[in-house]
């Protein structure tokens, strides 16, 4: 957190998604589902980064987006994140899509679609224009292959017994 970021990268969604992928890899190190997220302020650069903590914290709301939004709000001193974009490796679920809308993000970038639980384009469209008082611009498919591969590999390992949540359940 707080690392210096070249603001010229602002126009490069792949750079920030690669930072979110680094967080997804950190999630793997902790035995978590590998989803990562970063929040980028238009002037200050990256102000928050997080990954899933649900298993470790035993919390259903410890999604990467929720943790990153909390951190960004603390660092910026408010809950309105108008001047921020959010990058997440997997299409947000209903809870996270709602938090993104309520936080007033300018732009949501996501990597892989989530056909089972995605609430932006896959299962439902909670952030559709004119549905709420605010909606971010949305760009999906940023580094989609890489974002999907880390999840597919993780769940394949889980099915094959090479990874487990048993130690935390």
Protein backbone atom coordinates (compact mmCIF):
# COMPACT_ATOMS: atom_id res chain seq x y z
CA UNK A 1 0.00 0.00 0.00
CA UNK A 2 1.07 3.56 -0.54
CA UNK A 3 3.63 2.59 -3.15
CA UNK A 4 4.53 5.16 -5.75
CA UNK A 5 2.75 4.65 -9.05
CA UNK A 6 3.46 6.40 -12.31
CA UNK A 7 0.21 8.23 -13.02
CA UNK A 8 0.85 7.76 -16.75
CA UNK A 9 -0.32 4.20 -16.12
CA UNK A 10 -3.85 5.59 -15.59
CA UNK A 11 -4.58 5.11 -19.28
CA UNK A 12 -3.37 1.51 -19.09
CA UNK A 13 -6.01 -0.78 -17.55
CA UNK A 14 -3.77 -3.82 -18.13
CA UNK A 15 -1.18 -2.39 -15.75
CA UNK A 16 -3.65 -2.00 -12.90
CA UNK A 17 -5.27 -5.35 -13.61
CA UNK A 18 -1.80 -6.91 -13.38
CA UNK A 19 -1.56 -5.35 -9.92
CA UNK A 20 -4.91 -6.93 -9.03
CA UNK A 21 -3.54 -10.26 -10.31
CA UNK A 22 -0.60 -9.87 -7.93
CA UNK A 23 -3.16 -9.63 -5.14
CA UNK A 24 -4.90 -12.75 -6.44
CA UNK A 25 -1.58 -14.57 -6.17
CA UNK A 26 -1.25 -13.35 -2.57
CA UNK A 27 -4.68 -14.85 -1.90
CA UNK A 28 -3.34 -18.21 -3.12
CA UNK A 29 -0.47 -17.97 -0.63
CA UNK A 30 -3.08 -17.70 2.15
CA UNK A 31 -5.25 -20.55 0.86
CA UNK A 32 -7.92 -18.14 -0.34
CA UNK A 33 -9.85 -18.10 -3.60
CA UNK A 34 -7.50 -16.09 -5.87
CA UNK A 35 -9.35 -12.84 -6.47
CA UNK A 36 -7.56 -9.51 -6.28
CA UNK A 37 -8.56 -5.88 -6.41
CA UNK A 38 -6.97 -2.44 -6.60
CA UNK A 39 -8.44 1.04 -6.27
CA UNK A 40 -6.87 3.86 -8.27
CA UNK A 41 -7.44 7.56 -7.56
CA UNK A 42 -7.25 9.84 -10.60
CA UNK A 43 -4.57 12.07 -9.00
CA UNK A 44 -3.00 9.95 -6.26
CA UNK A 45 -2.62 6.68 -8.15
CA UNK A 46 -3.16 3.35 -6.41
CA UNK A 47 -4.66 3.97 -2.98
CA UNK A 48 -5.73 0.44 -2.00
CA UNK A 49 -5.05 -3.15 -2.89
CA UNK A 50 -6.55 -6.29 -1.43
CA UNK A 51 -7.42 -9.91 -2.00
CA UNK A 52 -10.00 -12.31 -0.62
CA UNK A 53 -9.81 -13.04 3.12
CA UNK A 54 -13.08 -14.97 3.59
CA UNK A 55 -11.52 -18.23 4.77
CA UNK A 56 -8.86 -16.65 6.97
CA UNK A 57 -11.18 -14.11 8.59
CA UNK A 58 -14.15 -16.50 8.51
CA UNK A 59 -16.22 -13.66 7.12
CA UNK A 60 -18.71 -13.82 4.26
CA UNK A 61 -18.05 -10.16 3.42
CA UNK A 62 -14.24 -10.30 3.23
CA UNK A 63 -14.23 -10.20 -0.58
CA UNK A 64 -11.30 -8.46 -2.27
CA UNK A 65 -13.50 -5.56 -3.39
CA UNK A 66 -14.98 -4.97 0.07
CA UNK A 67 -11.56 -4.93 1.73
CA UNK A 68 -10.12 -2.61 -0.93
CA UNK A 69 -13.10 -0.23 -0.76
CA UNK A 70 -12.75 0.02 3.02
CA UNK A 71 -9.04 0.76 2.72
CA UNK A 72 -9.53 3.36 -0.02
CA UNK A 73 -12.23 5.11 2.00
CA UNK A 74 -9.97 5.25 5.06
CA UNK A 75 -6.98 6.52 3.08
CA UNK A 76 -9.00 9.16 1.23
CA UNK A 77 -11.07 10.21 4.22
CA UNK A 78 -14.55 9.54 2.89
CA UNK A 79 -16.91 7.01 1.39
CA UNK A 80 -17.54 8.82 -1.89
CA UNK A 81 -14.91 7.55 -4.31
CA UNK A 82 -15.95 9.67 -7.32
CA UNK A 83 -12.36 10.19 -8.43
CA UNK A 84 -11.50 6.48 -8.27
CA UNK A 85 -11.57 3.48 -10.53
CA UNK A 86 -11.72 -0.10 -9.25
CA UNK A 87 -10.02 -3.08 -10.86
CA UNK A 88 -11.00 -6.62 -9.89
CA UNK A 89 -9.91 -9.92 -11.39
CA UNK A 90 -13.42 -11.44 -11.34
CA UNK A 91 -16.77 -9.89 -12.19
CA UNK A 92 -18.26 -8.64 -8.90
CA UNK A 93 -20.99 -10.51 -7.03
CA UNK A 94 -24.23 -8.72 -5.98
CA UNK A 95 -22.75 -7.55 -2.66
CA UNK A 96 -19.63 -6.12 -4.25
CA UNK A 97 -21.51 -4.59 -7.19
CA UNK A 98 -23.74 -2.84 -4.67
CA UNK A 99 -20.75 -1.56 -2.71
CA UNK A 100 -19.14 -0.31 -5.94
CA UNK A 101 -22.31 1.58 -6.83
CA UNK A 102 -22.76 3.00 -3.32
CA UNK A 103 -19.11 4.10 -3.22
CA UNK A 104 -19.63 6.15 -6.40
CA UNK A 105 -16.70 4.75 -8.38
CA UNK A 106 -16.08 6.36 -11.76
CA UNK A 107 -15.14 3.15 -13.55
CA UNK A 108 -15.20 -0.58 -12.85
CA UNK A 109 -12.73 -2.77 -14.70
CA UNK A 110 -12.97 -6.53 -14.29
CA UNK A 111 -11.08 -9.45 -15.74
CA UNK A 112 -12.98 -12.73 -16.00
CA UNK A 113 -16.74 -13.07 -16.16
CA UNK A 114 -18.49 -15.05 -13.43
CA UNK A 115 -21.32 -17.02 -15.05
CA UNK A 116 -22.46 -18.43 -11.68
CA UNK A 117 -22.49 -15.27 -9.57
CA UNK A 118 -21.55 -12.23 -11.63
CA UNK A 119 -23.84 -9.28 -10.97
CA UNK A 120 -22.53 -6.91 -13.64
CA UNK A 121 -23.05 -8.69 -16.98
CA UNK A 122 -23.30 -12.46 -16.46
CA UNK A 123 -26.08 -13.47 -14.06
CA UNK A 124 -27.70 -10.06 -13.62
CA UNK A 125 -26.90 -6.42 -14.36
CA UNK A 126 -27.04 -4.58 -11.05
CA UNK A 127 -24.99 -1.67 -12.37
CA UNK A 128 -27.13 -0.98 -15.43
CA UNK A 129 -27.55 2.71 -16.31
CA UNK A 130 -30.68 4.38 -14.89
CA UNK A 131 -31.26 1.58 -12.37
CA UNK A 132 -29.82 3.55 -9.44
CA UNK A 133 -28.78 7.10 -8.74
CA UNK A 134 -25.20 6.29 -9.72
CA UNK A 135 -23.50 3.77 -11.96
CA UNK A 136 -19.86 3.48 -12.94
CA UNK A 137 -18.61 3.04 -16.46
CA UNK A 138 -17.80 -0.64 -16.95
CA UNK A 139 -15.07 -2.42 -18.88
CA UNK A 140 -14.93 -6.19 -18.70
CA UNK A 141 -12.42 -8.65 -20.09
CA UNK A 142 -9.23 -6.84 -19.02
CA UNK A 143 -6.54 -9.55 -18.95
CA UNK A 144 -9.47 -11.96 -19.07
CA UNK A 145 -7.40 -15.05 -19.89
CA UNK A 146 -4.94 -14.52 -17.03
CA UNK A 147 -7.71 -13.65 -14.55
CA UNK A 148 -9.72 -16.72 -15.52
CA UNK A 149 -6.75 -19.08 -15.58
CA UNK A 150 -5.70 -18.46 -11.98
CA UNK A 151 -9.25 -19.27 -10.83
CA UNK A 152 -9.60 -22.34 -13.06
CA UNK A 153 -6.25 -23.68 -11.88
CA UNK A 154 -7.19 -23.09 -8.23
CA UNK A 155 -10.54 -24.87 -8.47
CA UNK A 156 -8.98 -27.73 -10.47
CA UNK A 157 -6.45 -28.19 -7.64
CA UNK A 158 -9.27 -28.07 -5.10
CA UNK A 159 -11.18 -30.81 -6.95
CA UNK A 160 -8.03 -32.92 -7.21
CA UNK A 161 -7.36 -32.59 -3.49
CA UNK A 162 -4.18 -30.52 -3.91
CA UNK A 163 -5.73 -27.51 -2.18
CA UNK A 164 -8.16 -27.49 0.70
CA UNK A 165 -10.30 -25.25 2.86
CA UNK A 166 -10.59 -28.05 5.47
CA UNK A 167 -7.96 -26.59 7.77
CA UNK A 168 -10.10 -23.48 8.24
CA UNK A 169 -13.64 -24.88 8.21
